[in-house]
Amino acid sequence: MEIDRTDVVAEVAAAFAGYEQALVDGDADRICGHFWDADRTVRFGIDDHQYGLDAQRAWRADQPPLPPGRRLVDTVITTFGVDLAVVTTRFGYADAAARGRQTQTWVRLPAGWRIVTAHVSEPTTGGSTPPGETR
């Protein structure tokens, strides 16, 4: 199995960028379009969880827009073969230090690259500080 084939990493990076833009734009339909349309799709949020894309659509319809100034740091895309990838990143808003964490598992399906599981969290305390960042 080839890990991190350049062409596959580029495909997933483009799909991830599209997802992030939809998130920043607050476009619930575009956000959900990046997820696998199945009952087995799972998303764990900071204070929420959805099992199945229908549950996520309902949840997203009630969500306010993100705060302005969302930024990502330390994004890592790791691909396994040509059909599976994991994306991890940290996020923050405006001038605050990046504190949120996001992990997505992407799979190449007939409809294209789709997120099959996602997890978003924010640490409450502790944790190590990445090189170059202060608290």
Protein backbone atom coordinates (compact mmCIF):
# COMPACT_ATOMS: atom_id res chain seq x y z
CA MET A 1 0.00 0.00 0.00
CA GLU A 2 1.28 3.43 -0.89
CA ILE A 3 1.12 6.04 1.84
CA ASP A 4 0.81 9.72 0.89
CA ARG A 5 0.80 9.45 -2.88
CA THR A 6 1.22 13.03 -4.04
CA ASP A 7 -1.76 12.95 -6.42
CA VAL A 8 -4.09 11.47 -3.81
CA VAL A 9 -2.97 13.96 -1.13
CA ALA A 10 -3.70 16.78 -3.61
CA GLU A 11 -7.21 15.40 -4.30
CA VAL A 12 -8.02 15.17 -0.59
CA ALA A 13 -6.53 18.62 0.05
CA ALA A 14 -8.86 20.07 -2.58
CA ALA A 15 -11.88 18.27 -1.11
CA PHE A 16 -10.94 19.42 2.40
CA ALA A 17 -10.50 23.02 1.20
CA GLY A 18 -13.98 22.87 -0.35
CA TYR A 19 -15.42 21.61 2.93
CA GLU A 20 -13.67 24.35 4.92
CA GLN A 21 -14.91 27.05 2.54
CA ALA A 22 -18.48 25.76 2.88
CA LEU A 23 -18.04 25.80 6.67
CA VAL A 24 -16.74 29.39 6.69
CA ASP A 25 -19.53 30.41 4.29
CA GLY A 26 -22.11 28.79 6.58
CA ASP A 27 -23.59 26.84 3.67
CA ALA A 28 -25.20 23.82 5.36
CA ASP A 29 -26.08 22.12 2.06
CA ARG A 30 -22.51 22.38 0.78
CA ILE A 31 -21.11 21.26 4.15
CA CYS A 32 -23.34 18.18 4.18
CA GLY A 33 -22.50 17.51 0.54
CA HIS A 34 -18.97 16.65 1.66
CA PHE A 35 -20.27 13.83 3.89
CA TRP A 36 -21.18 10.29 2.91
CA ASP A 37 -24.95 10.16 2.51
CA ALA A 38 -25.53 7.17 4.78
CA ASP A 39 -27.00 6.28 8.14
CA ARG A 40 -23.53 5.10 9.21
CA THR A 41 -21.97 8.55 8.86
CA VAL A 42 -20.95 9.77 12.31
CA ARG A 43 -20.02 13.26 13.45
CA PHE A 44 -19.06 14.10 17.01
CA GLY A 45 -19.03 17.84 17.70
CA ILE A 46 -18.02 19.85 20.72
CA ASP A 47 -21.43 19.64 22.39
CA ASP A 48 -23.33 17.52 19.89
CA HIS A 49 -23.30 14.30 17.90
CA GLN A 50 -25.07 13.08 14.80
CA TYR A 51 -25.55 9.55 13.52
CA GLY A 52 -26.46 9.61 9.86
CA LEU A 53 -26.43 12.45 7.38
CA ASP A 54 -30.13 13.24 7.92
CA ALA A 55 -29.40 13.98 11.59
CA GLN A 56 -26.50 16.21 10.59
CA ARG A 57 -28.64 18.09 8.06
CA ALA A 58 -31.23 18.78 10.77
CA TRP A 59 -28.55 19.89 13.23
CA ARG A 60 -26.78 22.12 10.70
CA ALA A 61 -30.03 23.85 9.76
CA ASP A 62 -30.23 25.24 13.32
CA GLN A 63 -26.59 26.31 13.71
CA PRO A 64 -25.49 29.95 13.77
CA PRO A 65 -22.60 30.98 11.53
CA LEU A 66 -19.05 30.45 12.71
CA PRO A 67 -17.29 33.36 14.36
CA PRO A 68 -15.28 35.44 11.89
CA GLY A 69 -11.59 34.83 11.32
CA ARG A 70 -11.47 31.03 11.34
CA ARG A 71 -7.97 29.80 10.72
CA LEU A 72 -6.39 26.38 10.54
CA VAL A 73 -2.95 25.34 11.78
CA ASP A 74 -0.99 22.12 11.71
CA THR A 75 -3.19 20.45 9.09
CA VAL A 76 -1.98 16.95 8.29
CA ILE A 77 -3.35 14.86 5.43
CA THR A 78 -2.34 11.21 5.42
CA THR A 79 -3.52 8.95 2.63
CA PHE A 80 -3.56 5.17 2.59
CA GLY A 81 -3.67 3.79 -0.94
CA VAL A 82 -5.90 5.70 -3.33
CA ASP A 83 -9.24 5.52 -1.50
CA LEU A 84 -8.71 6.40 2.18
CA ALA A 85 -7.41 9.48 3.97
CA VAL A 86 -7.32 11.00 7.43
CA VAL A 87 -7.21 14.77 7.88
CA THR A 88 -6.35 16.34 11.21
CA THR A 89 -6.12 20.03 11.95
CA ARG A 90 -6.40 22.56 14.72
CA PHE A 91 -8.52 25.66 14.39
CA GLY A 92 -9.04 29.00 16.03
CA TYR A 93 -10.73 32.32 15.42
CA ALA A 94 -9.42 35.86 14.92
CA ASP A 95 -6.31 36.49 17.03
CA ALA A 96 -6.87 33.73 19.58
CA ALA A 97 -4.54 30.75 19.76
CA ALA A 98 -5.78 27.71 17.85
CA ARG A 99 -7.50 25.49 20.38
CA GLY A 100 -10.07 23.43 18.54
CA ARG A 101 -9.20 20.07 17.04
CA GLN A 102 -10.78 18.38 14.08
CA THR A 103 -10.31 14.90 12.62
CA GLN A 104 -12.00 13.57 9.51
CA THR A 105 -11.83 10.22 7.75
CA TRP A 106 -12.30 10.64 4.00
CA VAL A 107 -13.11 7.79 1.60
CA ARG A 108 -13.23 7.86 -2.18
CA LEU A 109 -16.76 6.76 -3.06
CA PRO A 110 -18.50 6.66 -6.46
CA ALA A 111 -19.67 10.26 -5.79
CA GLY A 112 -16.09 11.37 -5.00
CA TRP A 113 -14.22 12.03 -1.75
CA ARG A 114 -16.60 12.07 1.21
CA ILE A 115 -16.21 12.35 4.98
CA VAL A 116 -17.42 9.16 6.68
CA THR A 117 -16.54 10.12 10.26
CA ALA A 118 -15.67 13.44 11.86
CA HIS A 119 -14.73 14.54 15.34
CA VAL A 120 -14.43 18.10 16.64
CA SER A 121 -13.27 18.96 20.13
CA GLU A 122 -11.82 21.73 22.25
CA PRO A 123 -9.57 20.94 25.18
CA THR A 124 -10.71 22.29 28.50
CA THR A 125 -7.26 22.41 30.13
CA GLY A 126 -3.74 21.14 29.85
CA GLY A 127 -2.22 19.45 26.87
CA SER A 128 1.11 20.13 25.30
CA THR A 129 1.86 23.31 23.44
CA PRO A 130 3.04 22.74 19.86
CA PRO A 131 6.46 24.12 18.89
CA GLY A 132 6.36 27.84 18.15
CA GLU A 133 3.06 28.48 19.95
CA THR A 134 2.55 29.96 23.40
CA ARG A 135 -0.42 29.91 25.72
